[in-house]
PDB file of N, CA and C in Angstrom:
ATOM      1  N   ALA A   1       9.145   9.613  -5.361  1.00  0.00           N
ATOM      2  CA  ALA A   1       8.945   9.842  -3.276  1.00  0.00           C
ATOM      3  C   ALA A   1       9.270   9.363  -2.677  1.00  0.00           C
ATOM      4  N   LEU A   2      10.520   7.847  -2.730  1.00  0.00           N
ATOM      5  CA  LEU A   2      11.025   7.013  -1.904  1.00  0.00           C
ATOM      6  C   LEU A   2      12.253   7.700  -1.614  1.00  0.00           C
ATOM      7  N   ARG A   3      12.923   9.053  -2.386  1.00  0.00           N
ATOM      8  CA  ARG A   3      14.158   9.558  -2.564  1.00  0.00           C
ATOM      9  C   ARG A   3      14.649  10.512  -1.101  1.00  0.00           C
ATOM     10  N   SER A   4      13.592  10.919  -0.894  1.00  0.00           N
ATOM     11  CA  SER A   4      13.646  12.275   0.515  1.00  0.00           C
ATOM     12  C   SER A   4      13.697  11.177   1.872  1.00  0.00           C
ATOM     13  N   CYS A   5      14.008   9.715   1.887  1.00  0.00           N
ATOM     14  CA  CYS A   5      13.901   9.233   3.219  1.00  0.00           C
ATOM     15  C   CYS A   5      14.544   8.499   3.180  1.00  0.00           C
ATOM     16  N   GLY A   6      15.957   9.260   2.918  1.00  0.00           N
ATOM     17  CA  GLY A   6      17.302   8.586   3.015  1.00  0.00           C
ATOM     18  C   GLY A   6      18.324   8.695   1.826  1.00  0.00           C
ATOM     19  N   LYS A   7      19.325   8.208   2.355  1.00  0.00           N
ATOM     20  CA  LYS A   7      20.187   7.794   1.295  1.00  0.00           C
ATOM     21  C   LYS A   7      20.069   6.095   0.439  1.00  0.00           C
ATOM     22  N   LEU A   8      19.144   5.980  -0.597  1.00  0.00           N
ATOM     23  CA  LEU A   8      18.415   4.549  -0.732  1.00  0.00           C
ATOM     24  C   LEU A   8      19.838   3.395  -0.948  1.00  0.00           C
ATOM     25  N   GLY A   9      19.689   2.316  -0.837  1.00  0.00           N
ATOM     26  CA  GLY A   9      21.155   1.445  -1.629  1.00  0.00           C
ATOM     27  C   GLY A   9      20.140  -0.055  -1.867  1.00  0.00           C
ATOM     28  N   VAL A  10      18.959  -0.176  -1.387  1.00  0.00           N
ATOM     29  CA  VAL A  10      18.130  -0.753  -2.022  1.00  0.00           C
ATOM     30  C   VAL A  10      16.289  -1.048  -2.771  1.00  0.00           C
ATOM     31  N   VAL A  11      15.897  -1.346  -3.381  1.00  0.00           N
ATOM     32  CA  VAL A  11      14.768  -1.046  -3.681  1.00  0.00           C
ATOM     33  C   VAL A  11      14.360  -2.205  -4.163  1.00  0.00           C
ATOM     34  N   ILE A  12      13.280  -3.334  -3.479  1.00  0.00           N
ATOM     35  CA  ILE A  12      12.930  -4.156  -4.177  1.00  0.00           C
ATOM     36  C   ILE A  12      11.072  -4.481  -4.206  1.00  0.00           C
ATOM     37  N   LEU A  13      10.580  -4.731  -5.320  1.00  0.00           N
ATOM     38  CA  LEU A  13       9.136  -4.560  -5.215  1.00  0.00           C
ATOM     39  C   LEU A  13       9.075  -6.182  -5.494  1.00  0.00           C
ATOM     40  N   SER A  14       7.594  -6.553  -4.595  1.00  0.00           N
ATOM     41  CA  SER A  14       7.204  -7.579  -4.374  1.00  0.00           C
ATOM     42  C   SER A  14       6.101  -8.258  -4.354  1.00  0.00           C
ATOM     43  N   GLY A  15       5.174  -9.079  -3.997  1.00  0.00           N
ATOM     44  CA  GLY A  15       3.968  -8.938  -3.614  1.00  0.00           C
ATOM     45  C   GLY A  15       3.429  -8.292  -4.822  1.00  0.00           C
ATOM     46  N   ARG A  16       2.279  -6.971  -4.464  1.00  0.00           N
ATOM     47  CA  ARG A  16       1.183  -6.925  -5.305  1.00  0.00           C
ATOM     48  C   ARG A  16       1.543  -6.518  -6.705  1.00  0.00           C
ATOM     49  N   PHE A  17       3.185  -5.812  -6.732  1.00  0.00           N
ATOM     50  CA  PHE A  17       3.706  -5.113  -8.011  1.00  0.00           C
ATOM     51  C   PHE A  17       4.330  -6.614  -8.918  1.00  0.00           C
ATOM     52  N   THR A  18       4.451  -7.769  -8.849  1.00  0.00           N
ATOM     53  CA  THR A  18       4.273  -8.713  -9.158  1.00  0.00           C
ATOM     54  C   THR A  18       3.419 -10.258  -9.369  1.00  0.00           C
ATOM     55  N   GLY A  19       2.270  -9.032  -8.714  1.00  0.00           N
ATOM     56  CA  GLY A  19       1.158 -10.218  -9.019  1.00  0.00           C
ATOM     57  C   GLY A  19       0.694 -11.357  -7.825  1.00  0.00           C
ATOM     58  N   ASP A  20       1.775 -11.147  -6.529  1.00  0.00           N
ATOM     59  CA  ASP A  20       1.370 -12.339  -6.398  1.00  0.00           C
ATOM     60  C   ASP A  20       0.915 -11.953  -4.032  1.00  0.00           C
ATOM     61  N   ALA A  21       0.007 -11.445  -4.441  1.00  0.00           N
ATOM     62  CA  ALA A  21      -0.620 -11.248  -3.019  1.00  0.00           C
ATOM     63  C   ALA A  21       0.150 -11.289  -1.694  1.00  0.00           C
ATOM     64  N   THR A  22      -0.028 -12.598  -2.013  1.00  0.00           N
ATOM     65  CA  THR A  22       0.626 -13.575  -0.758  1.00  0.00           C
ATOM     66  C   THR A  22       1.818 -13.041  -0.467  1.00  0.00           C
ATOM     67  N   ARG A  23       2.650 -12.860  -0.711  1.00  0.00           N
ATOM     68  CA  ARG A  23       4.258 -12.322  -0.582  1.00  0.00           C
ATOM     69  C   ARG A  23       3.470 -11.543   0.789  1.00  0.00           C
ATOM     70  N   PRO A  24       5.165 -11.186   1.864  1.00  0.00           N
ATOM     71  CA  PRO A  24       4.830 -10.413   2.784  1.00  0.00           C
ATOM     72  C   PRO A  24       4.887  -9.061   3.227  1.00  0.00           C
ATOM     73  N   VAL A  25       5.620  -8.722   1.865  1.00  0.00           N
ATOM     74  CA  VAL A  25       5.465  -6.897   1.466  1.00  0.00           C
ATOM     75  C   VAL A  25       5.814  -6.802  -0.050  1.00  0.00           C
ATOM     76  N   ASP A  26       5.193  -5.308  -0.088  1.00  0.00           N
ATOM     77  CA  ASP A  26       5.096  -5.280  -1.146  1.00  0.00           C
ATOM     78  C   ASP A  26       6.592  -4.512  -2.218  1.00  0.00           C
ATOM     79  N   ILE A  27       6.869  -3.442  -1.535  1.00  0.00           N
ATOM     80  CA  ILE A  27       8.299  -3.085  -1.131  1.00  0.00           C
ATOM     81  C   ILE A  27       8.958  -3.260   0.107  1.00  0.00           C
ATOM     82  N   LEU A  28      10.392  -3.795  -0.068  1.00  0.00           N
ATOM     83  CA  LEU A  28      11.665  -3.360   0.518  1.00  0.00           C
ATOM     84  C   LEU A  28      12.379  -2.602   0.247  1.00  0.00           C
ATOM     85  N   LEU A  29      12.721  -2.342   1.238  1.00  0.00           N
ATOM     86  CA  LEU A  29      13.992  -1.020   0.872  1.00  0.00           C
ATOM     87  C   LEU A  29      15.371  -1.009   2.064  1.00  0.00           C
ATOM     88  N   ALA A  30      16.175  -0.661   1.691  1.00  0.00           N
ATOM     89  CA  ALA A  30      17.033  -0.424   3.134  1.00  0.00           C
ATOM     90  C   ALA A  30      17.933   0.920   2.691  1.00  0.00           C
ATOM     91  N   ALA A  31      18.211   1.488   3.394  1.00  0.00           N
ATOM     92  CA  ALA A  31      18.963   2.839   3.503  1.00  0.00           C
ATOM     93  C   ALA A  31      19.565   3.315   4.316  1.00  0.00           C
ATOM     94  N   ASP A  32      21.128   4.214   4.287  1.00  0.00           N
ATOM     95  CA  ASP A  32      21.639   4.520   5.639  1.00  0.00           C
ATOM     96  C   ASP A  32      20.706   6.137   5.550  1.00  0.00           C
ATOM     97  N   ASP A  33      20.662   6.828   7.104  1.00  0.00           N
ATOM     98  CA  ASP A  33      19.715   7.223   7.275  1.00  0.00           C
ATOM     99  C   ASP A  33      18.445   7.961   7.398  1.00  0.00           C
ATOM    100  N   ILE A  34      18.101   6.460   7.272  1.00  0.00           N
ATOM    101  CA  ILE A  34      16.512   6.377   6.491  1.00  0.00           C
ATOM    102  C   ILE A  34      15.921   7.155   7.567  1.00  0.00           C
ATOM    103  N   SER A  35      14.629   7.706   7.013  1.00  0.00           N
ATOM    104  CA  SER A  35      13.658   8.920   8.493  1.00  0.00           C
ATOM    105  C   SER A  35      12.337   7.815   8.131  1.00  0.00           C
ATOM    106  N   GLU A  36      12.195   7.576   9.262  1.00  0.00           N
ATOM    107  CA  GLU A  36      10.933   6.632   9.546  1.00  0.00           C
ATOM    108  C   GLU A  36       9.594   7.564   9.269  1.00  0.00           C
ATOM    109  N   ALA A  37       9.340   8.563   9.646  1.00  0.00           N
ATOM    110  CA  ALA A  37       8.452   9.534   9.836  1.00  0.00           C
ATOM    111  C   ALA A  37       8.479   9.768   7.961  1.00  0.00           C
ATOM    112  N   LYS A  38       9.330  10.413   7.238  1.00  0.00           N
ATOM    113  CA  LYS A  38       9.280  10.326   6.013  1.00  0.00           C
ATOM    114  C   LYS A  38       9.212   9.267   5.051  1.00  0.00           C
ATOM    115  N   LEU A  39       9.422   8.123   5.330  1.00  0.00           N
ATOM    116  CA  LEU A  39       9.265   7.042   4.323  1.00  0.00           C
ATOM    117  C   LEU A  39       7.902   6.851   4.855  1.00  0.00           C
ATOM    118  N   GLN A  40       6.924   7.150   5.695  1.00  0.00           N
ATOM    119  CA  GLN A  40       6.091   7.040   6.394  1.00  0.00           C
ATOM    120  C   GLN A  40       5.335   7.842   5.185  1.00  0.00           C
ATOM    121  N   ARG A  41       4.671   8.996   5.055  1.00  0.00           N
ATOM    122  CA  ARG A  41       4.537  10.195   3.996  1.00  0.00           C
ATOM    123  C   ARG A  41       4.977   9.193   2.605  1.00  0.00           C
ATOM    124  N   ALA A  42       5.697   8.954   2.011  1.00  0.00           N
ATOM    125  CA  ALA A  42       5.746   8.530   1.058  1.00  0.00           C
ATOM    126  C   ALA A  42       5.212   7.351   0.520  1.00  0.00           C
ATOM    127  N   ILE A  43       5.098   6.489   1.557  1.00  0.00           N
ATOM    128  CA  ILE A  43       4.114   5.344   0.848  1.00  0.00           C
ATOM    129  C   ILE A  43       2.881   6.105   0.635  1.00  0.00           C
ATOM    130  N   ARG A  44       2.300   6.552   1.755  1.00  0.00           N
ATOM    131  CA  ARG A  44       1.125   7.163   2.063  1.00  0.00           C
ATOM    132  C   ARG A  44       0.670   7.637   0.606  1.00  0.00           C
ATOM    133  N   ALA A  45       1.880   8.557  -0.082  1.00  0.00           N
ATOM    134  CA  ALA A  45       1.738   9.384  -1.129  1.00  0.00           C
ATOM    135  C   ALA A  45       1.785   8.269  -2.619  1.00  0.00           C
ATOM    136  N   LEU A  46       2.371   6.747  -2.105  1.00  0.00           N
ATOM    137  CA  LEU A  46       2.009   6.163  -3.295  1.00  0.00           C
ATOM    138  C   LEU A  46       1.048   5.814  -3.642  1.00  0.00           C
ATOM    139  N   GLU A  47       0.122   5.005  -2.273  1.00  0.00           N
ATOM    140  CA  GLU A  47      -1.269   4.176  -2.091  1.00  0.00           C
ATOM    141  C   GLU A  47      -2.188   4.650  -2.968  1.00  0.00           C
ATOM    142  N   PRO A  48      -2.688   6.412  -3.308  1.00  0.00           N
ATOM    143  CA  PRO A  48      -3.525   6.294  -3.992  1.00  0.00           C
ATOM    144  C   PRO A  48      -3.435   6.127  -5.538  1.00  0.00           C
ATOM    145  N   VAL A  49      -2.220   6.214  -5.651  1.00  0.00           N
ATOM    146  CA  VAL A  49      -1.635   6.190  -7.528  1.00  0.00           C
ATOM    147  C   VAL A  49      -1.872   4.719  -8.029  1.00  0.00           C
ATOM    148  N   PHE A  50      -1.362   3.556  -6.709  1.00  0.00           N
ATOM    149  CA  PHE A  50      -1.806   2.356  -7.184  1.00  0.00           C
ATOM    150  C   PHE A  50      -3.188   1.985  -6.690  1.00  0.00           C
ATOM    151  N   GLY A  51      -3.738   2.838  -6.337  1.00  0.00           N
ATOM    152  CA  GLY A  51      -5.539   2.532  -5.840  1.00  0.00           C
ATOM    153  C   GLY A  51      -5.454   1.361  -4.799  1.00  0.00           C
ATOM    154  N   ARG A  52      -4.000   1.019  -3.552  1.00  0.00           N
ATOM    155  CA  ARG A  52      -4.351   0.294  -2.670  1.00  0.00           C
ATOM    156  C   ARG A  52      -3.508   0.318  -1.642  1.00  0.00           C
ATOM    157  N   GLU A  53      -3.239  -0.382  -0.267  1.00  0.00           N
ATOM    158  CA  GLU A  53      -2.196  -0.204   0.996  1.00  0.00           C
ATOM    159  C   GLU A  53      -1.491  -0.182   0.543  1.00  0.00           C
ATOM    160  N   LEU A  54       0.401  -0.119   0.307  1.00  0.00           N
ATOM    161  CA  LEU A  54       0.980  -1.114   0.069  1.00  0.00           C
ATOM    162  C   LEU A  54       2.021  -1.531   1.280  1.00  0.00           C
ATOM    163  N   ARG A  55       1.895  -2.801   1.714  1.00  0.00           N
ATOM    164  CA  ARG A  55       3.380  -2.842   2.606  1.00  0.00           C
ATOM    165  C   ARG A  55       4.570  -3.334   2.089  1.00  0.00           C
ATOM    166  N   TYR A  56       5.032  -2.037   3.498  1.00  0.00           N
ATOM    167  CA  TYR A  56       6.839  -2.384   2.855  1.00  0.00           C
ATOM    168  C   TYR A  56       7.554  -3.142   4.394  1.00  0.00           C
ATOM    169  N   ALA A  57       8.240  -2.993   4.240  1.00  0.00           N
ATOM    170  CA  ALA A  57       9.834  -3.542   5.529  1.00  0.00           C
ATOM    171  C   ALA A  57      11.143  -2.776   5.093  1.00  0.00           C
ATOM    172  N   ALA A  58      11.689  -1.947   5.756  1.00  0.00           N
ATOM    173  CA  ALA A  58      12.629  -1.321   5.341  1.00  0.00           C
ATOM    174  C   ALA A  58      13.821  -1.563   6.762  1.00  0.00           C
ATOM    175  N   PHE A  59      14.671  -1.225   6.152  1.00  0.00           N
ATOM    176  CA  PHE A  59      15.964  -1.660   7.149  1.00  0.00           C
ATOM    177  C   PHE A  59      17.661  -1.073   6.903  1.00  0.00           C
ATOM    178  N   SER A  60      18.120  -0.591   7.671  1.00  0.00           N
ATOM    179  CA  SER A  60      19.267   0.136   7.780  1.00  0.00           C
ATOM    180  C   SER A  60      20.067  -0.596   6.790  1.00  0.00           C
ATOM    181  N   MET A  61      21.389  -0.213   5.586  1.00  0.00           N
ATOM    182  CA  MET A  61      21.479  -1.560   5.429  1.00  0.00           C
ATOM    183  C   MET A  61      22.481  -2.502   5.674  1.00  0.00           C
ATOM    184  N   PRO A  62      23.127  -1.723   7.439  1.00  0.00           N
ATOM    185  CA  PRO A  62      23.637  -3.095   7.856  1.00  0.00           C
ATOM    186  C   PRO A  62      22.501  -4.149   8.167  1.00  0.00           C
ATOM    187  N   GLU A  63      21.621  -3.658   8.589  1.00  0.00           N
ATOM    188  CA  GLU A  63      20.263  -5.129   8.832  1.00  0.00           C
ATOM    189  C   GLU A  63      20.021  -5.534   7.900  1.00  0.00           C
ATOM    190  N   LEU A  64      19.728  -5.191   6.653  1.00  0.00           N
ATOM    191  CA  LEU A  64      19.818  -5.661   5.694  1.00  0.00           C
ATOM    192  C   LEU A  64      20.934  -6.823   5.409  1.00  0.00           C
ATOM    193  N   ARG A  65      22.224  -6.248   5.369  1.00  0.00           N
ATOM    194  CA  ARG A  65      23.387  -7.049   5.252  1.00  0.00           C
ATOM    195  C   ARG A  65      23.410  -8.540   6.277  1.00  0.00           C
ATOM    196  N   TYR A  66      22.601  -8.037   7.459  1.00  0.00           N
ATOM    197  CA  TYR A  66      22.444  -9.056   8.459  1.00  0.00           C
ATOM    198  C   TYR A  66      21.970  -9.867   8.235  1.00  0.00           C
ATOM    199  N   ARG A  67      20.353  -9.368   7.981  1.00  0.00           N
ATOM    200  CA  ARG A  67      19.511 -10.499   7.444  1.00  0.00           C
ATOM    201  C   ARG A  67      19.884 -11.295   6.779  1.00  0.00           C
ATOM    202  N   LEU A  68      20.533 -11.158   5.625  1.00  0.00           N
ATOM    203  CA  LEU A  68      20.935 -11.805   3.878  1.00  0.00           C
ATOM    204  C   LEU A  68      21.321 -12.915   4.784  1.00  0.00           C
ATOM    205  N   THR A  69      22.478 -12.600   5.622  1.00  0.00           N
ATOM    206  CA  THR A  69      23.608 -13.400   5.883  1.00  0.00           C
ATOM    207  C   THR A  69      22.721 -15.290   7.016  1.00  0.00           C
ATOM    208  N   VAL A  70      21.726 -14.471   7.598  1.00  0.00           N
ATOM    209  CA  VAL A  70      21.085 -15.199   8.622  1.00  0.00           C
ATOM    210  C   VAL A  70      19.905 -15.896   7.937  1.00  0.00           C
ATOM    211  N   GLN A  71      19.832 -15.394   6.471  1.00  0.00           N
ATOM    212  CA  GLN A  71      18.640 -15.943   6.056  1.00  0.00           C
ATOM    213  C   GLN A  71      17.054 -15.633   6.859  1.00  0.00           C
ATOM    214  N   ASP A  72      17.235 -14.661   6.930  1.00  0.00           N
ATOM    215  CA  ASP A  72      15.612 -13.441   7.255  1.00  0.00           C
ATOM    216  C   ASP A  72      14.254 -14.305   7.131  1.00  0.00           C
ATOM    217  N   ARG A  73      13.543 -15.314   6.921  1.00  0.00           N
ATOM    218  CA  ARG A  73      11.866 -15.416   6.602  1.00  0.00           C
ATOM    219  C   ARG A  73      11.758 -14.391   5.985  1.00  0.00           C
ATOM    220  N   LEU A  74      11.248 -12.749   5.965  1.00  0.00           N
ATOM    221  CA  LEU A  74      11.086 -11.580   5.232  1.00  0.00           C
ATOM    222  C   LEU A  74      11.817 -11.853   4.161  1.00  0.00           C
ATOM    223  N   VAL A  75      13.302 -11.335   4.290  1.00  0.00           N
ATOM    224  CA  VAL A  75      13.747 -11.344   3.042  1.00  0.00           C
ATOM    225  C   VAL A  75      13.393 -12.760   2.546  1.00  0.00           C
ATOM    226  N   ARG A  76      14.125 -13.477   3.358  1.00  0.00           N
ATOM    227  CA  ARG A  76      13.856 -15.081   1.779  1.00  0.00           C
ATOM    228  C   ARG A  76      12.542 -15.111   1.445  1.00  0.00           C
ATOM    229  N   GLU A  77      11.585 -14.672   1.846  1.00  0.00           N
ATOM    230  CA  GLU A  77      10.173 -15.010   1.357  1.00  0.00           C
ATOM    231  C   GLU A  77       9.997 -14.026   0.138  1.00  0.00           C
ATOM    232  N   THR A  78      10.612 -12.753   0.482  1.00  0.00           N
ATOM    233  CA  THR A  78      10.913 -11.766  -0.568  1.00  0.00           C
ATOM    234  C   THR A  78      12.020 -12.320  -2.213  1.00  0.00           C
ATOM    235  N   LEU A  79      12.703 -12.240  -1.633  1.00  0.00           N
ATOM    236  CA  LEU A  79      13.990 -12.941  -2.662  1.00  0.00           C
ATOM    237  C   LEU A  79      13.632 -13.996  -3.242  1.00  0.00           C
ATOM    238  N   ASP A  80      13.333 -14.922  -2.847  1.00  0.00           N
ATOM    239  CA  ASP A  80      13.198 -16.712  -3.221  1.00  0.00           C
ATOM    240  C   ASP A  80      12.116 -16.481  -4.291  1.00  0.00           C
ATOM    241  N   PHE A  81      10.759 -15.597  -4.434  1.00  0.00           N
ATOM    242  CA  PHE A  81       9.880 -15.613  -4.959  1.00  0.00           C
ATOM    243  C   PHE A  81      10.108 -14.016  -6.346  1.00  0.00           C
ATOM    244  N   PRO A  82       9.313 -14.267  -7.087  1.00  0.00           N
ATOM    245  CA  PRO A  82       9.501 -13.039  -7.935  1.00  0.00           C
ATOM    246  C   PRO A  82       9.514 -12.012  -7.524  1.00  0.00           C
ATOM    247  N   HIS A  83      10.291 -10.954  -8.639  1.00  0.00           N
ATOM    248  CA  HIS A  83      10.837  -9.810  -7.486  1.00  0.00           C
ATOM    249  C   HIS A  83      11.215  -8.995  -8.312  1.00  0.00           C
ATOM    250  N   LEU A  84      11.102  -7.756  -8.149  1.00  0.00           N
ATOM    251  CA  LEU A  84      11.501  -6.493  -8.922  1.00  0.00           C
ATOM    252  C   LEU A  84      12.809  -5.854  -8.732  1.00  0.00           C
ATOM    253  N   VAL A  85      13.996  -6.191  -8.836  1.00  0.00           N
ATOM    254  CA  VAL A  85      14.834  -5.363  -7.921  1.00  0.00           C
ATOM    255  C   VAL A  85      15.209  -3.785  -8.911  1.00  0.00           C
ATOM    256  N   LEU A  86      14.656  -2.769  -8.340  1.00  0.00           N
ATOM    257  CA  LEU A  86      14.904  -1.310  -8.656  1.00  0.00           C
ATOM    258  C   LEU A  86      15.663  -0.757  -8.724  1.00  0.00           C
ATOM    259  N   LEU A  87      16.653  -0.756  -7.163  1.00  0.00           N
ATOM    260  CA  LEU A  87      18.080  -0.244  -6.687  1.00  0.00           C
ATOM    261  C   LEU A  87      19.022  -1.127  -6.212  1.00  0.00           C
ATOM    262  N   ASP A  88      19.961  -1.219  -6.396  1.00  0.00           N
ATOM    263  CA  ASP A  88      20.549  -2.554  -6.035  1.00  0.00           C
ATOM    264  C   ASP A  88      22.273  -1.687  -5.598  1.00  0.00           C
ATOM    265  N   ARG A  89      22.394  -0.015  -4.892  1.00  0.00           N
ATOM    266  CA  ARG A  89      23.455   0.292  -4.540  1.00  0.00           C
ATOM    267  C   ARG A  89      24.784  -0.355  -4.285  1.00  0.00           C
ATOM    268  N   ALA A  90      24.594  -0.902  -3.474  1.00  0.00           N
ATOM    269  CA  ALA A  90      25.495  -1.942  -2.454  1.00  0.00           C
ATOM    270  C   ALA A  90      25.708  -2.593  -2.726  1.00  0.00           C
ATOM    271  N   LYS A  91      25.146  -3.278  -4.521  1.00  0.00           N
ATOM    272  CA  LYS A  91      24.946  -4.487  -4.749  1.00  0.00           C
ATOM    273  C   LYS A  91      25.680  -5.965  -3.848  1.00  0.00           C
ATOM    274  N   ILE A  92      25.006  -5.969  -3.092  1.00  0.00           N
ATOM    275  CA  ILE A  92      24.815  -6.766  -2.811  1.00  0.00           C
ATOM    276  C   ILE A  92      23.554  -8.174  -2.917  1.00  0.00           C
ATOM    277  N   LEU A  93      22.674  -7.750  -4.166  1.00  0.00           N
ATOM    278  CA  LEU A  93      21.779  -9.098  -4.744  1.00  0.00           C
ATOM    279  C   LEU A  93      22.208  -9.972  -5.743  1.00  0.00           C
TER     280      LEU A  93
END
């Protein structure tokens, strides 16, 4: 469902996917040429499959690299706790 949103570089599952609903996001993704409208439709299409609202954060690849460099709180809170890396084409994780 997420493939149509742009050229995906990173997809990380966290939050409810790992059993910790206190995490800030369930899906963190980074893509080149990301289409926000297509991403919202894809997330809304996935919600009935999982039976709940999904919280997500989407970045461009350069923005994710920058956020990793400056130790951004959202990214750190996702990566410092249990998470599943589904895709890492950029090999930055």
